[in-house]
Amino acid sequence: MSEETENQATPSGGYKAFTLWMFVATLIVVFDQLTKWMIVKWVPLYDKIPVNSFINITHQRNTGAAFSFLADAAGWQRWFFISLATVVSGYIIWWLWKIRTEGQVLLSAGLSLVLG
């Protein structure tokens, strides 16, 4: 068995690292959805919760993409952005899998945060 094949076959050869980064991404998704649910449930629409002197948590509705971009489009934008997010997420997961044995902790952490 070659050294490269042996490293990939053992848990210390990258599977643990890949699992860790996928777990981090999953935690980000869960935390994101939980905070969104909490805002919708407990903060009235357009109400603000001050965090500090320049940051507020505000309950808003966004019917489009970033900052309501394409909000008045016919509905195609939802499927376009879902498809785009799926392709990009798949690429990030593939990238995390590819670098799992290289010890690139900072890159892996960043990719996991973006994926989440």
Protein backbone atom coordinates (compact mmCIF):
# COMPACT_ATOMS: atom_id res chain seq x y z
CA MET A 1 0.00 0.00 0.00
CA SER A 2 1.46 3.40 -0.92
CA GLU A 3 1.95 6.08 1.74
CA GLU A 4 -0.65 8.36 0.11
CA THR A 5 -3.28 5.60 0.01
CA GLU A 6 -2.46 4.63 3.58
CA ASN A 7 -2.83 8.24 4.80
CA GLN A 8 -6.25 8.55 3.17
CA ALA A 9 -7.45 5.23 4.56
CA THR A 10 -6.73 6.02 8.21
CA PRO A 11 -8.87 8.34 10.32
CA SER A 12 -5.84 10.49 11.07
CA GLY A 13 -5.21 10.75 7.33
CA GLY A 14 -7.90 13.36 6.85
CA TYR A 15 -11.32 11.85 7.53
CA LYS A 16 -11.37 13.34 11.03
CA ALA A 17 -10.39 16.76 9.68
CA PHE A 18 -13.02 16.62 6.93
CA THR A 19 -15.67 15.52 9.43
CA LEU A 20 -14.68 18.34 11.78
CA TRP A 21 -15.00 20.99 9.08
CA MET A 22 -18.34 19.62 7.91
CA PHE A 23 -19.50 19.67 11.54
CA VAL A 24 -18.42 23.33 11.83
CA ALA A 25 -20.39 24.18 8.67
CA THR A 26 -23.42 22.32 10.02
CA LEU A 27 -23.21 24.21 13.32
CA ILE A 28 -23.14 27.50 11.42
CA VAL A 29 -26.26 26.52 9.45
CA VAL A 30 -28.09 25.43 12.61
CA PHE A 31 -27.10 28.59 14.50
CA ASP A 32 -28.11 30.76 11.54
CA GLN A 33 -31.53 29.13 11.24
CA LEU A 34 -32.05 29.25 15.02
CA THR A 35 -31.30 32.97 15.22
CA LYS A 36 -33.56 33.68 12.22
CA TRP A 37 -36.37 31.70 13.85
CA MET A 38 -35.86 33.60 17.14
CA ILE A 39 -36.02 36.98 15.36
CA VAL A 40 -39.20 36.05 13.47
CA LYS A 41 -40.83 34.67 16.63
CA TRP A 42 -39.90 37.34 19.17
CA VAL A 43 -39.03 40.58 17.36
CA PRO A 44 -41.87 42.51 15.71
CA LEU A 45 -41.42 43.41 12.03
CA TYR A 46 -39.13 46.47 11.61
CA ASP A 47 -38.33 46.54 15.32
CA LYS A 48 -34.68 47.07 16.32
CA ILE A 49 -32.59 45.58 19.09
CA PRO A 50 -29.44 47.67 19.68
CA VAL A 51 -26.28 45.57 20.06
CA ASN A 52 -23.93 48.55 20.47
CA SER A 53 -23.76 52.17 19.30
CA PHE A 54 -23.62 51.28 15.60
CA ILE A 55 -25.07 47.75 15.23
CA ASN A 56 -28.76 46.87 15.52
CA ILE A 57 -30.57 43.59 15.00
CA THR A 58 -33.62 44.47 12.90
CA HIS A 59 -36.49 42.22 11.81
CA GLN A 60 -36.77 42.76 8.05
CA ARG A 61 -38.31 40.79 5.18
CA ASN A 62 -36.17 40.28 2.08
CA THR A 63 -38.12 38.93 -0.86
CA GLY A 64 -35.19 39.07 -3.27
CA ALA A 65 -31.50 38.31 -3.07
CA ALA A 66 -28.93 40.53 -1.36
CA PHE A 67 -30.61 43.76 -0.24
CA SER A 68 -33.78 42.78 -2.16
CA PHE A 69 -31.94 42.60 -5.49
CA LEU A 70 -34.37 41.12 -8.07
CA ALA A 71 -37.27 41.31 -5.58
CA ASP A 72 -39.67 42.29 -8.36
CA ALA A 73 -38.57 39.55 -10.79
CA ALA A 74 -41.02 36.85 -11.89
CA GLY A 75 -39.76 34.10 -9.57
CA TRP A 76 -36.97 32.62 -11.69
CA GLN A 77 -34.38 34.17 -9.37
CA ARG A 78 -35.22 31.77 -6.54
CA TRP A 79 -34.36 28.72 -8.63
CA PHE A 80 -31.32 30.40 -10.12
CA PHE A 81 -29.87 31.22 -6.69
CA ILE A 82 -30.76 27.78 -5.30
CA SER A 83 -28.93 26.18 -8.25
CA LEU A 84 -25.97 28.51 -7.88
CA ALA A 85 -25.72 27.87 -4.12
CA THR A 86 -25.92 24.11 -4.68
CA VAL A 87 -23.11 24.16 -7.25
CA VAL A 88 -20.89 26.41 -5.10
CA SER A 89 -21.59 24.31 -1.97
CA GLY A 90 -20.71 21.15 -3.86
CA TYR A 91 -17.45 22.73 -5.02
CA ILE A 92 -16.56 23.84 -1.47
CA ILE A 93 -17.28 20.34 -0.11
CA TRP A 94 -15.11 18.83 -2.87
CA TRP A 95 -12.36 21.35 -2.06
CA LEU A 96 -12.52 20.50 1.66
CA TRP A 97 -12.32 16.80 0.76
CA LYS A 98 -9.34 17.41 -1.52
CA ILE A 99 -7.30 19.31 1.11
CA ARG A 100 -8.24 17.10 4.06
CA THR A 101 -4.74 15.61 4.36
CA GLU A 102 -2.74 18.76 3.63
CA GLY A 103 -3.10 20.41 7.06
CA GLN A 104 -4.41 23.70 5.68
CA VAL A 105 -6.33 24.64 8.80
CA LEU A 106 -6.94 28.31 7.99
CA LEU A 107 -8.20 27.56 4.47
CA SER A 108 -10.38 24.72 5.77
CA ALA A 109 -11.82 26.92 8.51
CA GLY A 110 -12.61 29.69 6.03
CA LEU A 111 -14.24 27.30 3.58
CA SER A 112 -16.33 25.78 6.36
CA LEU A 113 -17.53 29.19 7.47
CA VAL A 114 -18.44 30.16 3.89
CA LEU A 115 -20.19 26.81 3.40
CA GLY A 116 -22.16 27.30 6.60
